[in-house]
Protein backbone atom coordinates (compact mmCIF):
# COMPACT_ATOMS: atom_id res chain seq x y z
CA MET A 1 1.67 -52.90 -12.04
CA THR A 2 3.60 -49.88 -13.33
CA ARG A 3 4.34 -46.80 -11.33
CA SER A 4 3.71 -43.30 -12.55
CA PRO A 5 6.71 -40.98 -12.90
CA SER A 6 5.59 -39.01 -9.85
CA GLU A 7 5.68 -42.12 -7.71
CA THR A 8 9.18 -43.12 -8.80
CA THR A 9 10.73 -39.64 -8.68
CA ASN A 10 12.75 -38.96 -5.55
CA SER A 11 12.35 -35.47 -4.22
CA PRO A 12 15.63 -33.64 -3.61
CA SER A 13 14.73 -32.55 -0.09
CA PRO A 14 13.32 -34.60 2.79
CA ASN A 15 10.11 -32.56 3.06
CA GLY A 16 9.27 -33.02 -0.63
CA GLN A 17 10.07 -29.47 -1.76
CA ASP A 18 12.43 -28.78 -4.60
CA SER A 19 14.66 -25.73 -4.81
CA SER A 20 12.15 -23.72 -6.85
CA SER A 21 9.39 -24.14 -4.26
CA GLN A 22 11.86 -23.32 -1.48
CA GLY A 23 12.75 -20.13 -3.36
CA LEU A 24 9.07 -19.30 -3.69
CA LEU A 25 8.50 -19.87 0.02
CA SER A 26 11.50 -17.70 0.82
CA ARG A 27 10.16 -14.85 -1.34
CA LEU A 28 6.70 -15.27 0.19
CA TRP A 29 8.11 -15.11 3.71
CA SER A 30 10.12 -11.99 2.81
CA TRP A 31 6.96 -10.38 1.42
CA ILE A 32 5.02 -11.24 4.59
CA ASN A 33 7.79 -9.81 6.77
CA SER A 34 7.83 -6.61 4.69
CA TYR A 35 4.25 -6.04 5.88
CA GLY A 36 5.17 -6.53 9.53
CA GLY A 37 4.71 -10.28 9.80
CA LEU A 38 1.73 -12.56 10.11
CA SER A 39 0.10 -10.83 13.07
CA ASP A 40 -0.04 -7.49 11.26
CA LEU A 41 -1.41 -9.19 8.15
CA ARG A 42 -4.11 -10.84 10.26
CA LYS A 43 -5.05 -7.48 11.80
CA SER A 44 -5.13 -5.84 8.38
CA ASN A 45 -7.25 -8.69 7.03
CA ALA A 46 -9.73 -8.33 9.91
CA GLU A 47 -10.02 -4.57 9.29
CA LEU A 48 -10.56 -5.12 5.57
CA SER A 49 -13.23 -7.72 6.30
CA LYS A 50 -15.09 -5.19 8.46
CA GLN A 51 -14.79 -2.57 5.74
CA ASN A 52 -16.07 -5.02 3.14
CA ALA A 53 -19.07 -5.83 5.32
CA ARG A 54 -19.80 -2.12 5.75
CA LEU A 55 -19.46 -1.49 2.02
CA ALA A 56 -21.81 -4.37 1.25
CA GLU A 57 -24.35 -2.90 3.68
CA LEU A 58 -24.08 0.54 2.08
CA GLU A 59 -24.33 -0.97 -1.40
CA SER A 60 -27.50 -2.79 -0.41
CA LYS A 61 -29.04 0.42 0.96
CA LEU A 62 -28.03 2.31 -2.16
CA ASP A 63 -29.66 -0.33 -4.36
CA ILE A 64 -32.90 0.07 -2.39
CA VAL A 65 -32.81 3.86 -2.77
CA LEU A 66 -32.06 3.65 -6.49
CA GLN A 67 -34.82 1.11 -7.09
CA SER A 68 -37.37 3.23 -5.26
CA SER A 69 -36.31 6.37 -7.12
CA ASP A 70 -36.60 4.52 -10.45
CA SER A 71 -40.14 3.45 -9.66
CA ASN A 72 -41.12 7.05 -8.84
CA LEU A 73 -39.96 8.39 -12.18
CA LEU A 74 -42.62 9.15 -14.73
CA PRO A 75 -42.03 7.83 -18.21
CA THR A 76 -40.97 10.51 -20.62
CA ILE A 77 -43.28 11.22 -23.53
CA SER A 78 -41.51 11.93 -26.77
CA THR A 79 -43.09 14.37 -29.18
CA ASP A 80 -42.23 14.69 -32.79
CA ASP A 81 -42.03 18.21 -34.07
CA ASN A 82 -41.98 17.10 -37.71
């Protein structure tokens, strides 16, 4: 039985992350901290979720209003003056 290259490759760090993924995690953590940390991001996410729910509700109501106004419109009759 042969092993695939991924099975035989030793990872350079004990937790299986190479230097590029560690750099990515470092940049990600810096970005998170620039927004005040995880707790502030969670609060912001919760607020945005509430706003999205409210927008979806308003969009639904607007669709109902627009559909009812479309059904009340009379078809236009075109006349040719030629």
